[in-house]
C-alpha atoms as a PDB file:
ATOM      1  CA  MET A   1       6.465   8.011  -8.599  1.00  0.00           C
ATOM      2  CA  VAL A   2       7.817   6.246  -5.576  1.00  0.00           C
ATOM      3  CA  ALA A   3       7.948   9.873  -4.001  1.00  0.00           C
ATOM      4  CA  GLN A   4       4.308  10.354  -4.757  1.00  0.00           C
ATOM      5  CA  ARG A   5       3.343   7.054  -3.074  1.00  0.00           C
ATOM      6  CA  GLU A   6       5.430   7.952   0.264  1.00  0.00           C
ATOM      7  CA  MET A   7       3.491  11.491   0.453  1.00  0.00           C
ATOM      8  CA  HIS A   8       0.238   9.475  -0.004  1.00  0.00           C
ATOM      9  CA  ASP A   9       1.206   6.687   2.496  1.00  0.00           C
ATOM     10  CA  ALA A  10       2.094   9.893   4.954  1.00  0.00           C
ATOM     11  CA  MET A  11      -1.260  11.392   4.634  1.00  0.00           C
ATOM     12  CA  ALA A  12      -2.954   8.335   4.918  1.00  0.00           C
ATOM     13  CA  VAL A  13      -0.997   6.831   8.035  1.00  0.00           C
ATOM     14  CA  ARG A  14      -1.392  10.619   9.862  1.00  0.00           C
ATOM     15  CA  ARG A  15      -5.284  10.189   8.895  1.00  0.00           C
ATOM     16  CA  CYS A  16      -5.476   6.687  10.107  1.00  0.00           C
ATOM     17  CA  CYS A  17      -3.924   7.393  13.461  1.00  0.00           C
ATOM     18  CA  GLU A  18      -6.869   9.553  14.287  1.00  0.00           C
ATOM     19  CA  ARG A  19      -9.668   6.962  13.127  1.00  0.00           C
ATOM     20  CA  VAL A  20      -8.203   3.470  13.429  1.00  0.00           C
ATOM     21  CA  THR A  21      -9.343   0.813  16.100  1.00  0.00           C
ATOM     22  CA  ARG A  22      -7.038  -1.422  18.177  1.00  0.00           C
ATOM     23  CA  THR A  23      -8.439  -4.194  16.128  1.00  0.00           C
ATOM     24  CA  GLU A  24      -7.525  -2.516  12.547  1.00  0.00           C
ATOM     25  CA  ILE A  25      -4.100  -1.710  14.023  1.00  0.00           C
ATOM     26  CA  ARG A  26      -3.477  -5.435  15.010  1.00  0.00           C
ATOM     27  CA  HIS A  27      -4.794  -6.669  11.430  1.00  0.00           C
ATOM     28  CA  LEU A  28      -2.318  -4.011   9.891  1.00  0.00           C
ATOM     29  CA  ARG A  29       0.447  -5.217  11.931  1.00  0.00           C
ATOM     30  CA  GLU A  30      -0.342  -8.918  11.114  1.00  0.00           C
ATOM     31  CA  MET A  31      -0.187  -7.767   7.274  1.00  0.00           C
ATOM     32  CA  ALA A  32       3.271  -6.168   8.033  1.00  0.00           C
ATOM     33  CA  GLU A  33       4.824  -9.392   9.597  1.00  0.00           C
ATOM     34  CA  GLN A  34       3.615 -11.417   6.877  1.00  0.00           C
ATOM     35  CA  ILE A  35       5.604  -9.001   4.440  1.00  0.00           C
ATOM     36  CA  TYR A  36       8.445  -9.583   6.382  1.00  0.00           C
ATOM     37  CA  LYS A  37       8.184 -13.356   6.642  1.00  0.00           C
ATOM     38  CA  PHE A  38       7.677 -13.374   2.596  1.00  0.00           C
ATOM     39  CA  ALA A  39      11.011 -11.432   2.017  1.00  0.00           C
ATOM     40  CA  THR A  40      12.889 -13.329   4.572  1.00  0.00           C
ATOM     41  CA  ALA A  41      11.602 -16.478   2.934  1.00  0.00           C
ATOM     42  CA  SER A  42      12.610 -15.052  -0.649  1.00  0.00           C
ATOM     43  CA  LYS A  43       9.267 -14.797  -1.805  1.00  0.00           C
ATOM     44  CA  PRO A  44       9.068 -11.294  -3.822  1.00  0.00           C
ATOM     45  CA  ARG A  45       5.986 -12.084  -5.549  1.00  0.00           C
ATOM     46  CA  GLU A  46       3.999 -12.900  -2.309  1.00  0.00           C
ATOM     47  CA  MET A  47       5.714 -10.014  -0.604  1.00  0.00           C
ATOM     48  CA  ASP A  48       4.746  -7.359  -3.323  1.00  0.00           C
ATOM     49  CA  GLU A  49       1.174  -8.732  -3.393  1.00  0.00           C
ATOM     50  CA  MET A  50       0.768  -8.289   0.596  1.00  0.00           C
ATOM     51  CA  ASP A  51       2.776  -4.950   0.476  1.00  0.00           C
ATOM     52  CA  ARG A  52       0.248  -3.695  -2.231  1.00  0.00           C
ATOM     53  CA  HIS A  53      -2.698  -4.882   0.219  1.00  0.00           C
ATOM     54  CA  LEU A  54      -1.398  -3.197   3.281  1.00  0.00           C
ATOM     55  CA  HIS A  55      -0.783   0.193   1.394  1.00  0.00           C
ATOM     56  CA  ALA A  56      -4.426  -0.102  -0.033  1.00  0.00           C
ATOM     57  CA  ARG A  57      -5.888  -0.853   3.285  1.00  0.00           C
ATOM     58  CA  LEU A  58      -4.236   1.993   4.977  1.00  0.00           C
ATOM     59  CA  ILE A  59      -5.543   4.667   2.038  1.00  0.00           C
ATOM     60  CA  HIS A  60      -8.911   2.827   2.801  1.00  0.00           C
ATOM     61  CA  LEU A  61      -8.907   3.566   6.474  1.00  0.00           C
ATOM     62  CA  SER A  62      -7.817   6.959   6.293  1.00  0.00           C
ATOM     63  CA  GLY A  63     -11.065   7.637   5.099  1.00  0.00           C
ATOM     64  CA  SER A  64      -9.962  10.222   2.569  1.00  0.00           C
ATOM     65  CA  SER A  65     -11.580   9.969  -1.061  1.00  0.00           C
ATOM     66  CA  MET A  66      -8.897  12.060  -2.314  1.00  0.00           C
ATOM     67  CA  LEU A  67      -6.437   9.684  -1.169  1.00  0.00           C
ATOM     68  CA  ASN A  68      -8.193   7.286  -2.955  1.00  0.00           C
ATOM     69  CA  ARG A  69      -8.368   8.633  -6.042  1.00  0.00           C
ATOM     70  CA  LEU A  70      -4.899   9.834  -6.142  1.00  0.00           C
ATOM     71  CA  ALA A  71      -3.910   6.148  -5.168  1.00  0.00           C
ATOM     72  CA  GLY A  72      -6.043   4.629  -7.934  1.00  0.00           C
ATOM     73  CA  SER A  73      -4.148   7.248 -10.317  1.00  0.00           C
ATOM     74  CA  TYR A  74      -0.643   5.754  -8.891  1.00  0.00           C
ATOM     75  CA  ARG A  75      -1.652   1.819  -9.629  1.00  0.00           C
ATOM     76  CA  LEU A  76      -2.577   2.974 -13.075  1.00  0.00           C
ATOM     77  CA  LEU A  77       0.524   4.996 -13.662  1.00  0.00           C
ATOM     78  CA  CYS A  78       2.440   1.597 -12.275  1.00  0.00           C
ATOM     79  CA  ARG A  79       0.722  -0.577 -14.275  1.00  0.00           C
ATOM     80  CA  SER A  80       1.019   1.310 -17.603  1.00  0.00           C
ATOM     81  CA  ALA A  81       4.945   1.605 -16.986  1.00  0.00           C
ATOM     82  CA  GLY A  82       5.231  -2.112 -16.230  1.00  0.00           C
ATOM     83  CA  ALA A  83       3.261  -3.095 -19.513  1.00  0.00           C
ATOM     84  CA  SER A  84       5.444  -0.525 -21.500  1.00  0.00           C
ATOM     85  CA  ARG A  85       8.530  -2.481 -19.960  1.00  0.00           C
ATOM     86  CA  ASP A  86       7.263  -5.587 -20.578  1.00  0.00           C
ATOM     87  CA  ALA A  87       6.631  -4.950 -24.232  1.00  0.00           C
ATOM     88  CA  LYS A  88      10.295  -3.976 -24.898  1.00  0.00           C
END
């Protein structure tokens, strides 16, 4: 599943490079810096949440409906995998 996310992210970033504004780049950078701060402060839950927001934002900014659908499917798979792990 991680390989799929990496592939989706690579496509999204490639498309973002053609579309985003400087303001959007600044916002993405701020999100990445916040992820780093959470990581160095040993706040994994906050880091994971911000990481998901960053990846969702990249997919959105890509403007690709196909990537949006694929990312949605990936999120569902992760949730169901997490739910089955929690049930054990």
